[in-house]
């Protein structure tokens, strides 16, 4: 049974003066799905995320339509952003204030988003931190951001999103600064978010990671959406020559390792 559409983007373009940075992108994402967006640096992936979130820098203009649950997104974005729609970036360190302990910041965020009183929010974040293997959570709440590794901070961000339970999470290369082992440890946690009724847009340059986590994949190149298909179809029968090139290069890179493992 098909789920209702959560996000419907029609002819989204982003411009800086005469320069077209994103060129008439249209896509639809159903509730409970994981969409991986793949593209090289400069392809427009992160800009696409910022356009959805209404966080484009000054001097950059957006046109086109975005609907969230069949209503125009930007008329309700101030209410939705930070609670119903959240953004997780690759540099978790910059997401936190360095002069306050993590507990203060996390609990206040949950209170601001209406998740309960201070005690309820503290109990909620302790529960979700322990679920992402930050134990004992009470100790982590006392620490400052610089006292945690990059992987631990990304787990804190995941714990916060588990507590917020957004309808849509946009994760912009959240694992790119992490080692391969830590990346794959985080994948089940993202999938747990989706089981909790969150729809996920996962932006990455890593085809293997996208194949592991996604239901469907969108390929960006030079600001254009060149292919958007269910994962199995894209990997088994890519249509665009650029997608074919990406998959062929991945196969070529993997061949020496596969020979070693035989």
Protein backbone atom coordinates (compact mmCIF):
# COMPACT_ATOMS: atom_id res chain seq x y z
CA UNK A 1 0.00 0.00 0.00
CA UNK A 2 1.43 3.35 -1.05
CA UNK A 3 1.99 5.95 1.64
CA UNK A 4 0.76 9.53 1.11
CA UNK A 5 3.16 12.10 -0.26
CA UNK A 6 5.04 14.00 2.42
CA UNK A 7 7.12 16.28 0.20
CA UNK A 8 6.31 17.46 -3.30
CA UNK A 9 8.85 19.71 -5.04
CA UNK A 10 7.94 21.36 -8.34
CA UNK A 11 10.45 23.15 -10.56
CA UNK A 12 12.73 24.27 -7.74
CA UNK A 13 15.47 26.59 -8.97
CA UNK A 14 18.12 28.47 -7.03
CA UNK A 15 20.01 31.39 -8.55
CA UNK A 16 22.79 33.77 -7.59
CA UNK A 17 22.45 36.68 -9.99
CA UNK A 18 22.57 35.15 -13.46
CA UNK A 19 24.15 31.93 -12.22
CA UNK A 20 21.75 28.99 -12.00
CA UNK A 21 22.82 26.80 -9.08
CA UNK A 22 19.83 24.44 -9.05
CA UNK A 23 17.91 24.04 -12.26
CA UNK A 24 14.20 23.11 -12.20
CA UNK A 25 14.32 20.16 -9.82
CA UNK A 26 11.08 18.27 -9.28
CA UNK A 27 10.57 15.21 -7.08
CA UNK A 28 8.04 13.61 -4.77
CA UNK A 29 8.82 11.75 -1.55
CA UNK A 30 6.33 9.54 0.25
CA UNK A 31 6.02 9.26 4.02
CA UNK A 32 8.31 6.73 5.69
CA UNK A 33 10.78 6.53 2.80
CA UNK A 34 14.55 7.06 2.77
CA UNK A 35 15.80 9.09 -0.19
CA UNK A 36 19.55 9.20 -0.76
CA UNK A 37 20.83 12.13 -2.80
CA UNK A 38 24.12 11.43 -4.57
CA UNK A 39 26.38 13.88 -6.34
CA UNK A 40 29.91 15.17 -6.57
CA UNK A 41 31.03 18.31 -4.73
CA UNK A 42 29.35 21.36 -6.22
CA UNK A 43 26.45 19.42 -7.70
CA UNK A 44 23.90 21.30 -5.58
CA UNK A 45 23.11 18.66 -2.94
CA UNK A 46 23.64 20.84 0.14
CA UNK A 47 22.08 23.87 -1.53
CA UNK A 48 19.02 21.77 -2.26
CA UNK A 49 18.75 20.93 1.46
CA UNK A 50 19.10 24.58 2.45
CA UNK A 51 16.46 25.59 -0.09
CA UNK A 52 13.97 23.18 1.47
CA UNK A 53 14.82 24.45 4.96
CA UNK A 54 14.57 28.12 3.93
CA UNK A 55 18.20 28.67 4.95
CA UNK A 56 19.70 30.03 1.75
CA UNK A 57 22.36 32.74 2.20
CA UNK A 58 21.58 36.37 1.42
CA UNK A 59 21.82 37.14 -2.28
CA UNK A 60 20.69 33.68 -3.37
CA UNK A 61 17.14 33.48 -4.71
CA UNK A 62 14.75 30.56 -4.86
CA UNK A 63 11.80 29.96 -7.16
CA UNK A 64 9.42 27.06 -7.65
CA UNK A 65 6.97 25.34 -5.32
CA UNK A 66 7.41 22.99 -2.37
CA UNK A 67 4.47 21.30 -0.68
CA UNK A 68 4.66 19.57 2.70
CA UNK A 69 1.71 17.30 3.51
CA UNK A 70 -0.13 18.91 0.57
CA UNK A 71 0.25 22.44 1.93
CA UNK A 72 2.67 25.14 0.69
CA UNK A 73 5.81 24.66 2.77
CA UNK A 74 7.05 28.20 3.13
CA UNK A 75 3.79 29.54 4.56
CA UNK A 76 4.27 27.20 7.54
CA UNK A 77 8.05 26.76 7.67
CA UNK A 78 8.68 28.94 10.73
CA UNK A 79 6.36 26.68 12.69
CA UNK A 80 7.72 23.43 11.28
CA UNK A 81 11.48 24.07 11.21
CA UNK A 82 13.35 22.59 14.17
CA UNK A 83 10.56 20.27 15.25
CA UNK A 84 8.58 18.76 12.38
CA UNK A 85 11.37 19.32 9.82
CA UNK A 86 14.98 19.14 11.03
CA UNK A 87 18.42 19.42 9.43
CA UNK A 88 21.48 17.42 10.51
CA UNK A 89 24.81 18.62 9.13
CA UNK A 90 28.16 16.88 8.66
CA UNK A 91 29.93 19.10 11.21
CA UNK A 92 28.16 18.29 14.46
CA UNK A 93 30.67 20.35 16.46
CA UNK A 94 29.33 23.56 14.94
CA UNK A 95 25.77 22.58 15.85
CA UNK A 96 26.52 23.11 19.55
CA UNK A 97 27.53 26.11 21.63
CA UNK A 98 31.03 25.39 22.98
CA UNK A 99 30.50 27.29 26.25
CA UNK A 100 27.56 25.25 27.57
CA UNK A 101 27.39 21.55 28.51
CA UNK A 102 25.50 19.33 26.10
CA UNK A 103 22.72 18.55 28.58
CA UNK A 104 21.70 22.19 28.94
CA UNK A 105 21.54 22.64 25.17
CA UNK A 106 19.66 19.42 24.45
CA UNK A 107 17.09 19.85 27.21
CA UNK A 108 16.43 23.49 26.29
CA UNK A 109 15.95 22.53 22.64
CA UNK A 110 13.34 19.94 23.57
CA UNK A 111 11.57 22.40 25.87
CA UNK A 112 11.47 25.08 23.17
CA UNK A 113 9.94 22.55 20.78
CA UNK A 114 7.21 21.72 23.29
CA UNK A 115 8.34 18.21 24.24
CA UNK A 116 7.57 18.66 27.95
CA UNK A 117 8.92 20.31 31.08
CA UNK A 118 12.58 20.24 32.08
CA UNK A 119 12.36 16.91 33.90
CA UNK A 120 10.40 15.25 31.08
CA UNK A 121 12.85 16.52 28.47
CA UNK A 122 15.81 15.36 30.52
CA UNK A 123 14.29 11.87 30.86
CA UNK A 124 13.53 11.78 27.13
CA UNK A 125 17.04 12.76 26.01
CA UNK A 126 18.64 10.33 28.49
CA UNK A 127 16.52 7.53 27.04
CA UNK A 128 17.40 8.33 23.41
CA UNK A 129 21.10 8.86 24.18
CA UNK A 130 21.28 5.44 25.79
CA UNK A 131 19.52 3.96 22.77
CA UNK A 132 22.34 5.24 20.52
CA UNK A 133 24.92 3.73 22.90
CA UNK A 134 25.99 6.90 24.69
CA UNK A 135 26.11 5.36 28.15
CA UNK A 136 25.82 6.36 30.88
CA UNK A 137 23.88 9.23 29.32
CA UNK A 138 24.04 11.33 32.50
CA UNK A 139 27.81 11.58 32.10
CA UNK A 140 27.52 12.77 28.50
CA UNK A 141 25.02 15.45 29.49
CA UNK A 142 27.68 17.00 31.74
CA UNK A 143 30.30 17.16 28.99
CA UNK A 144 31.11 20.00 26.63
CA UNK A 145 31.11 19.51 22.84
CA UNK A 146 34.91 19.57 22.56
CA UNK A 147 35.13 16.61 24.96
CA UNK A 148 33.42 14.26 22.48
CA UNK A 149 34.68 12.73 19.24
CA UNK A 150 33.03 13.42 15.89
CA UNK A 151 31.25 10.07 15.98
CA UNK A 152 29.95 10.68 19.50
CA UNK A 153 28.64 14.13 18.53
CA UNK A 154 26.80 12.64 15.56
CA UNK A 155 25.24 10.14 17.96
CA UNK A 156 24.16 13.06 20.16
CA UNK A 157 22.54 14.67 17.10
CA UNK A 158 20.76 11.41 16.34
CA UNK A 159 19.59 11.13 19.94
CA UNK A 160 18.17 14.64 19.72
CA UNK A 161 16.31 13.79 16.52
CA UNK A 162 14.97 10.60 18.08
CA UNK A 163 13.63 12.74 20.91
CA UNK A 164 12.20 15.36 18.53
CA UNK A 165 10.68 12.68 16.25
CA UNK A 166 10.44 14.97 13.20
CA UNK A 167 8.27 14.12 10.22
CA UNK A 168 11.19 14.93 7.90
CA UNK A 169 14.91 14.78 8.67
CA UNK A 170 17.38 16.10 6.11
CA UNK A 171 20.83 14.66 6.90
CA UNK A 172 23.46 16.54 4.89
CA UNK A 173 26.52 14.28 4.63
CA UNK A 174 26.27 13.39 8.34
CA UNK A 175 28.89 10.65 8.12
CA UNK A 176 31.43 12.14 5.70
CA UNK A 177 33.85 13.16 8.47
CA UNK A 178 33.69 9.75 10.16
CA UNK A 179 35.65 6.56 9.64
CA UNK A 180 33.99 3.73 7.70
CA UNK A 181 33.28 1.61 10.80
CA UNK A 182 31.51 4.48 12.58
CA UNK A 183 29.53 5.28 9.42
CA UNK A 184 28.07 1.79 9.27
CA UNK A 185 27.38 1.77 13.01
CA UNK A 186 25.15 4.83 12.49
CA UNK A 187 23.06 3.36 9.65
CA UNK A 188 20.79 1.24 11.93
CA UNK A 189 20.17 4.35 14.03
CA UNK A 190 18.97 6.31 11.00
CA UNK A 191 16.74 3.41 10.06
CA UNK A 192 15.34 3.39 13.57
CA UNK A 193 14.30 7.02 13.07
CA UNK A 194 12.35 6.00 9.97
CA UNK A 195 10.61 3.21 11.88
CA UNK A 196 9.59 5.97 14.29
CA UNK A 197 7.60 7.59 11.44
CA UNK A 198 10.34 9.93 10.22
CA UNK A 199 10.98 10.37 6.50
CA UNK A 200 14.67 10.76 5.70
CA UNK A 201 16.61 12.62 3.01
CA UNK A 202 20.18 11.35 3.28
CA UNK A 203 22.72 13.40 1.30
CA UNK A 204 26.00 11.66 0.53
CA UNK A 205 28.70 11.18 -2.09
CA UNK A 206 29.11 7.52 -1.09
CA UNK A 207 27.27 5.07 -3.37
CA UNK A 208 27.89 2.14 -1.05
CA UNK A 209 26.38 4.00 1.88
CA UNK A 210 23.39 5.05 -0.22
CA UNK A 211 22.84 1.46 -1.33
CA UNK A 212 22.89 0.33 2.30
CA UNK A 213 20.43 2.87 3.67
CA UNK A 214 18.10 4.13 0.91
CA UNK A 215 14.78 3.06 -0.55
CA UNK A 216 15.27 5.34 -3.53
CA UNK A 217 18.15 7.35 -4.94
CA UNK A 218 18.37 10.73 -6.70
CA UNK A 219 21.47 11.66 -8.71
CA UNK A 220 22.48 15.33 -8.94
CA UNK A 221 24.92 16.76 -11.47
CA UNK A 222 25.68 20.46 -12.01
CA UNK A 223 22.51 21.56 -10.26
CA UNK A 224 20.21 19.19 -12.13
CA UNK A 225 18.35 16.11 -10.98
CA UNK A 226 19.33 13.65 -13.70
CA UNK A 227 17.87 10.43 -12.30
CA UNK A 228 15.52 9.48 -9.46
CA UNK A 229 14.50 5.83 -9.14
CA UNK A 230 13.97 3.08 -6.58
CA UNK A 231 17.32 1.76 -5.39
CA UNK A 232 17.14 -1.66 -7.04
CA UNK A 233 16.17 -0.22 -10.41
CA UNK A 234 18.90 2.40 -10.32
CA UNK A 235 21.65 -0.05 -9.46
CA UNK A 236 20.44 -2.78 -11.84
CA UNK A 237 19.47 -0.67 -14.85
CA UNK A 238 20.70 2.95 -14.61
CA UNK A 239 19.26 5.14 -17.35
CA UNK A 240 21.46 8.23 -17.46
CA UNK A 241 25.01 7.98 -18.77
CA UNK A 242 26.37 9.79 -15.70
CA UNK A 243 24.72 7.27 -13.37
CA UNK A 244 26.17 4.46 -15.49
CA UNK A 245 29.60 6.10 -15.20
CA UNK A 246 29.33 6.37 -11.37
CA UNK A 247 28.38 2.72 -11.03
CA UNK A 248 31.10 1.59 -13.43
CA UNK A 249 33.73 3.55 -11.48
CA UNK A 250 32.49 2.04 -8.22
CA UNK A 251 32.80 -1.43 -9.73
CA UNK A 252 36.31 -0.71 -10.98
CA UNK A 253 37.45 0.57 -7.59
CA UNK A 254 35.97 -2.45 -5.81
CA UNK A 255 37.52 -5.08 -8.06
CA UNK A 256 41.00 -5.18 -6.42
CA UNK A 257 39.46 -5.56 -2.96
CA UNK A 258 37.13 -8.31 -4.16
CA UNK A 259 40.08 -10.23 -5.63
CA UNK A 260 41.96 -9.96 -2.33
CA UNK A 261 38.95 -11.26 -0.39
CA UNK A 262 38.52 -14.37 -2.60
